[in-house]
N, C-alpha and C. Protein backbone atom coordinates (compact mmCIF):
# COMPACT_ATOMS: atom_id res chain seq x y z
N UNK A 1 -30.13 69.23 84.48
CA UNK A 1 -30.88 67.89 85.13
C UNK A 1 -32.25 67.75 84.74
N UNK A 2 -32.45 66.69 84.24
CA UNK A 2 -33.84 66.45 83.76
C UNK A 2 -34.70 66.08 85.05
N UNK A 3 -35.78 66.64 85.10
CA UNK A 3 -36.78 66.39 86.22
C UNK A 3 -37.56 65.00 85.98
N UNK A 4 -37.44 64.59 84.79
CA UNK A 4 -38.16 63.40 84.47
C UNK A 4 -39.58 63.49 84.51
N UNK A 5 -40.13 64.81 84.42
CA UNK A 5 -41.49 64.99 84.67
C UNK A 5 -42.45 64.44 83.45
N UNK A 6 -41.77 64.28 82.31
CA UNK A 6 -42.45 63.66 81.15
C UNK A 6 -42.83 62.09 81.53
N UNK A 7 -42.19 61.44 82.42
CA UNK A 7 -42.36 60.08 82.89
C UNK A 7 -43.70 60.01 83.58
N UNK A 8 -44.24 61.06 84.10
CA UNK A 8 -45.55 61.07 84.81
C UNK A 8 -45.61 60.08 85.90
N UNK A 9 -44.61 60.07 86.75
CA UNK A 9 -44.63 58.96 87.85
C UNK A 9 -45.19 59.56 89.20
N UNK A 10 -45.63 60.77 89.19
CA UNK A 10 -46.41 61.34 90.26
C UNK A 10 -45.58 62.54 90.96
N UNK A 11 -46.27 63.31 91.68
CA UNK A 11 -45.68 64.59 92.31
C UNK A 11 -44.54 64.05 93.17
N UNK A 12 -44.61 63.18 94.16
CA UNK A 12 -43.44 62.89 95.05
C UNK A 12 -42.19 62.34 94.17
N UNK A 13 -42.41 61.56 93.21
CA UNK A 13 -41.34 61.10 92.40
C UNK A 13 -40.66 62.30 91.57
N UNK A 14 -41.37 63.21 91.18
CA UNK A 14 -40.72 64.22 90.51
C UNK A 14 -40.16 65.33 91.60
N UNK A 15 -40.51 65.45 92.82
CA UNK A 15 -39.91 66.23 93.82
C UNK A 15 -38.56 65.46 94.08
N UNK A 16 -38.55 64.27 94.47
CA UNK A 16 -37.41 63.51 94.84
C UNK A 16 -36.30 63.53 93.64
N UNK A 17 -36.81 63.36 92.39
CA UNK A 17 -35.93 63.44 91.39
C UNK A 17 -35.03 64.68 91.39
N UNK A 18 -35.66 65.85 91.58
CA UNK A 18 -35.00 67.09 91.69
C UNK A 18 -34.20 67.35 92.97
N UNK A 19 -34.82 67.20 93.93
CA UNK A 19 -34.16 67.48 95.33
C UNK A 19 -33.06 66.51 95.75
N UNK A 20 -33.19 65.24 95.23
CA UNK A 20 -32.27 64.15 95.62
C UNK A 20 -31.26 63.95 94.62
N UNK A 21 -31.31 64.56 93.47
CA UNK A 21 -30.39 64.28 92.29
C UNK A 21 -28.96 64.23 92.69
N UNK A 22 -28.17 63.41 92.21
CA UNK A 22 -26.86 63.38 92.57
C UNK A 22 -25.96 64.44 91.98
N UNK A 23 -26.44 64.99 91.01
CA UNK A 23 -25.72 66.20 90.36
C UNK A 23 -26.21 67.48 90.63
N UNK A 24 -27.18 67.66 91.61
CA UNK A 24 -27.65 68.94 91.92
C UNK A 24 -26.62 69.75 92.66
N UNK A 25 -26.38 70.89 92.09
CA UNK A 25 -25.30 71.75 92.60
C UNK A 25 -25.30 73.09 91.96
N UNK A 26 -24.57 73.84 92.40
CA UNK A 26 -24.29 75.32 92.00
C UNK A 26 -24.34 75.36 90.48
N UNK A 27 -25.14 76.14 89.88
CA UNK A 27 -25.14 76.24 88.37
C UNK A 27 -26.09 75.22 87.75
N UNK A 28 -26.69 74.34 88.47
CA UNK A 28 -27.52 73.27 87.87
C UNK A 28 -28.67 73.99 87.11
N UNK A 29 -28.95 73.51 85.85
CA UNK A 29 -30.05 73.91 85.08
C UNK A 29 -31.03 72.79 84.97
N UNK A 30 -32.35 73.10 85.59
CA UNK A 30 -33.33 72.00 85.85
C UNK A 30 -34.27 72.20 84.63
N UNK A 31 -34.56 70.88 84.11
CA UNK A 31 -35.47 70.83 82.81
C UNK A 31 -36.68 70.45 83.18
N UNK A 32 -37.79 71.17 82.90
CA UNK A 32 -39.18 70.90 83.22
C UNK A 32 -39.82 70.97 81.76
N UNK A 33 -41.00 70.42 81.59
CA UNK A 33 -41.63 70.44 80.33
C UNK A 33 -43.08 71.13 80.52
N UNK A 34 -43.41 71.96 79.48
CA UNK A 34 -44.54 72.73 79.65
C UNK A 34 -45.86 72.04 79.91
N UNK A 35 -45.93 70.87 79.30
CA UNK A 35 -47.20 69.87 79.44
C UNK A 35 -47.24 68.93 80.41
N UNK A 36 -46.23 68.95 81.34
CA UNK A 36 -45.94 67.78 82.25
C UNK A 36 -47.19 67.70 83.24
N UNK A 37 -47.66 66.60 83.45
CA UNK A 37 -48.88 66.36 84.23
C UNK A 37 -48.76 66.91 85.70
N UNK A 38 -47.67 66.53 86.32
CA UNK A 38 -47.53 66.73 87.75
C UNK A 38 -46.59 68.01 88.29
N UNK A 39 -45.98 68.58 87.35
CA UNK A 39 -45.16 69.66 87.57
C UNK A 39 -45.85 70.92 88.18
N UNK A 40 -47.00 71.29 87.86
CA UNK A 40 -47.67 72.34 88.44
C UNK A 40 -47.85 72.08 89.97
N UNK A 41 -48.28 70.83 90.36
CA UNK A 41 -48.30 70.50 91.92
C UNK A 41 -46.98 70.32 92.47
N UNK A 42 -46.02 69.96 91.90
CA UNK A 42 -44.65 69.67 92.55
C UNK A 42 -43.70 70.93 92.61
N UNK A 43 -44.05 71.94 91.88
CA UNK A 43 -42.97 72.84 91.61
C UNK A 43 -42.76 73.89 92.84
N UNK A 44 -43.92 74.22 93.54
CA UNK A 44 -43.74 74.94 94.82
C UNK A 44 -42.79 74.24 95.78
N UNK A 45 -43.00 72.91 95.91
CA UNK A 45 -42.19 72.20 96.94
C UNK A 45 -40.88 72.03 96.45
N UNK A 46 -40.68 71.85 95.24
CA UNK A 46 -39.34 71.88 94.66
C UNK A 46 -38.46 73.20 94.91
N UNK A 47 -39.23 74.32 94.54
CA UNK A 47 -38.51 75.64 94.78
C UNK A 47 -38.28 75.91 96.34
N UNK A 48 -39.18 75.52 97.18
CA UNK A 48 -38.95 75.71 98.66
C UNK A 48 -37.84 74.75 98.99
N UNK A 49 -37.79 73.61 98.50
CA UNK A 49 -36.63 72.64 98.83
C UNK A 49 -35.25 73.18 98.35
N UNK A 50 -35.37 73.67 97.20
CA UNK A 50 -33.97 74.19 96.70
C UNK A 50 -33.51 75.42 97.58
N UNK A 51 -34.42 76.23 97.96
CA UNK A 51 -34.10 77.34 98.79
C UNK A 51 -33.55 76.83 100.09
N UNK A 52 -34.25 75.89 100.69
CA UNK A 52 -33.77 75.25 101.89
C UNK A 52 -32.40 74.53 101.94
N UNK A 53 -32.00 74.23 100.76
CA UNK A 53 -30.75 73.53 100.60
C UNK A 53 -29.61 74.70 100.27
N UNK A 54 -30.12 76.00 100.30
CA UNK A 54 -29.23 77.16 100.00
C UNK A 54 -29.16 77.55 98.58
N UNK A 55 -29.79 77.00 97.72
CA UNK A 55 -29.78 77.50 96.34
C UNK A 55 -30.62 78.64 96.13
N UNK A 56 -30.20 79.37 95.00
CA UNK A 56 -30.96 80.60 94.76
C UNK A 56 -31.58 80.22 93.17
N UNK A 57 -32.76 80.42 93.00
CA UNK A 57 -33.30 80.27 91.71
C UNK A 57 -33.18 81.65 90.86
N UNK A 58 -32.47 81.40 89.68
CA UNK A 58 -32.20 82.57 88.74
C UNK A 58 -32.57 82.31 87.24
N UNK A 59 -32.74 83.18 86.49
CA UNK A 59 -33.14 83.06 85.06
C UNK A 59 -31.84 82.31 84.50
N UNK A 60 -32.09 81.44 83.43
CA UNK A 60 -30.93 80.75 82.80
C UNK A 60 -29.95 81.75 82.16
N UNK A 61 -30.29 83.07 81.90
CA UNK A 61 -29.43 83.93 81.34
C UNK A 61 -28.32 84.27 82.23
N UNK A 62 -28.45 84.04 83.61
CA UNK A 62 -27.65 84.38 84.54
C UNK A 62 -26.54 83.27 84.78
N UNK A 63 -26.82 82.14 84.12
CA UNK A 63 -26.04 80.94 84.36
C UNK A 63 -25.15 80.57 83.17
N UNK A 64 -25.59 81.05 82.05
CA UNK A 64 -24.80 80.69 80.77
C UNK A 64 -23.75 81.63 80.55
N UNK A 65 -22.45 81.07 80.73
CA UNK A 65 -21.22 82.00 80.45
C UNK A 65 -21.06 81.98 78.82
N UNK A 66 -20.81 83.18 78.33
CA UNK A 66 -20.57 83.36 76.90
C UNK A 66 -19.22 83.28 76.39
N UNK A 67 -18.21 83.62 77.23
CA UNK A 67 -16.90 83.63 76.83
C UNK A 67 -15.96 82.87 77.79
N UNK A 68 -14.89 82.28 77.29
CA UNK A 68 -13.74 81.59 77.95
C UNK A 68 -14.43 80.49 78.69
N UNK A 69 -15.31 79.70 78.26
CA UNK A 69 -15.84 78.43 79.01
C UNK A 69 -16.07 77.44 77.90
N UNK A 70 -15.97 76.15 78.25
CA UNK A 70 -16.38 75.04 77.44
C UNK A 70 -17.41 74.19 78.25
N UNK A 71 -18.08 73.22 77.56
CA UNK A 71 -18.87 72.48 78.36
C UNK A 71 -18.47 71.00 78.47
N UNK A 72 -18.59 70.52 79.58
CA UNK A 72 -18.18 69.01 79.70
C UNK A 72 -19.34 67.95 79.35
N UNK A 73 -19.11 66.64 79.46
CA UNK A 73 -20.24 65.68 78.98
C UNK A 73 -21.41 65.74 79.89
N UNK A 74 -21.35 66.49 81.13
CA UNK A 74 -22.36 66.50 82.13
C UNK A 74 -23.23 67.85 81.92
N UNK A 75 -22.58 68.66 80.95
CA UNK A 75 -23.38 69.97 80.86
C UNK A 75 -22.76 71.05 81.73
N UNK A 76 -21.75 70.69 82.25
CA UNK A 76 -21.17 71.89 83.08
C UNK A 76 -20.14 72.58 82.47
N UNK A 77 -20.17 73.82 82.77
CA UNK A 77 -19.27 74.85 82.13
C UNK A 77 -17.88 74.85 82.84
N UNK A 78 -16.80 74.71 82.07
CA UNK A 78 -15.52 74.70 82.55
C UNK A 78 -14.74 76.01 81.98
N UNK A 79 -13.96 76.72 82.92
CA UNK A 79 -13.21 77.85 82.32
C UNK A 79 -12.17 77.41 81.53
N UNK A 80 -11.87 78.11 80.39
CA UNK A 80 -10.76 77.75 79.49
C UNK A 80 -9.55 78.46 79.75
N UNK A 81 -9.62 79.39 80.63
CA UNK A 81 -8.39 80.35 80.87
C UNK A 81 -7.76 79.95 82.10
């Protein structure tokens, strides 16, 4: 999921983009950019919001399946077996 932080629409817009995204779900990989203007201010609220929604934040290495999966057009991993 793209946080759209690169559009620099502000802290609240970035928070809402992530926490209200229609595809936010288990296994979602969130994209943020290193030089985004508002991400440093938005990140704490985003992380708290994700935890309040019952999500656990983990390293990407725990999300990427390496065997017996394919990826669909939304970037979701689908079992092949």
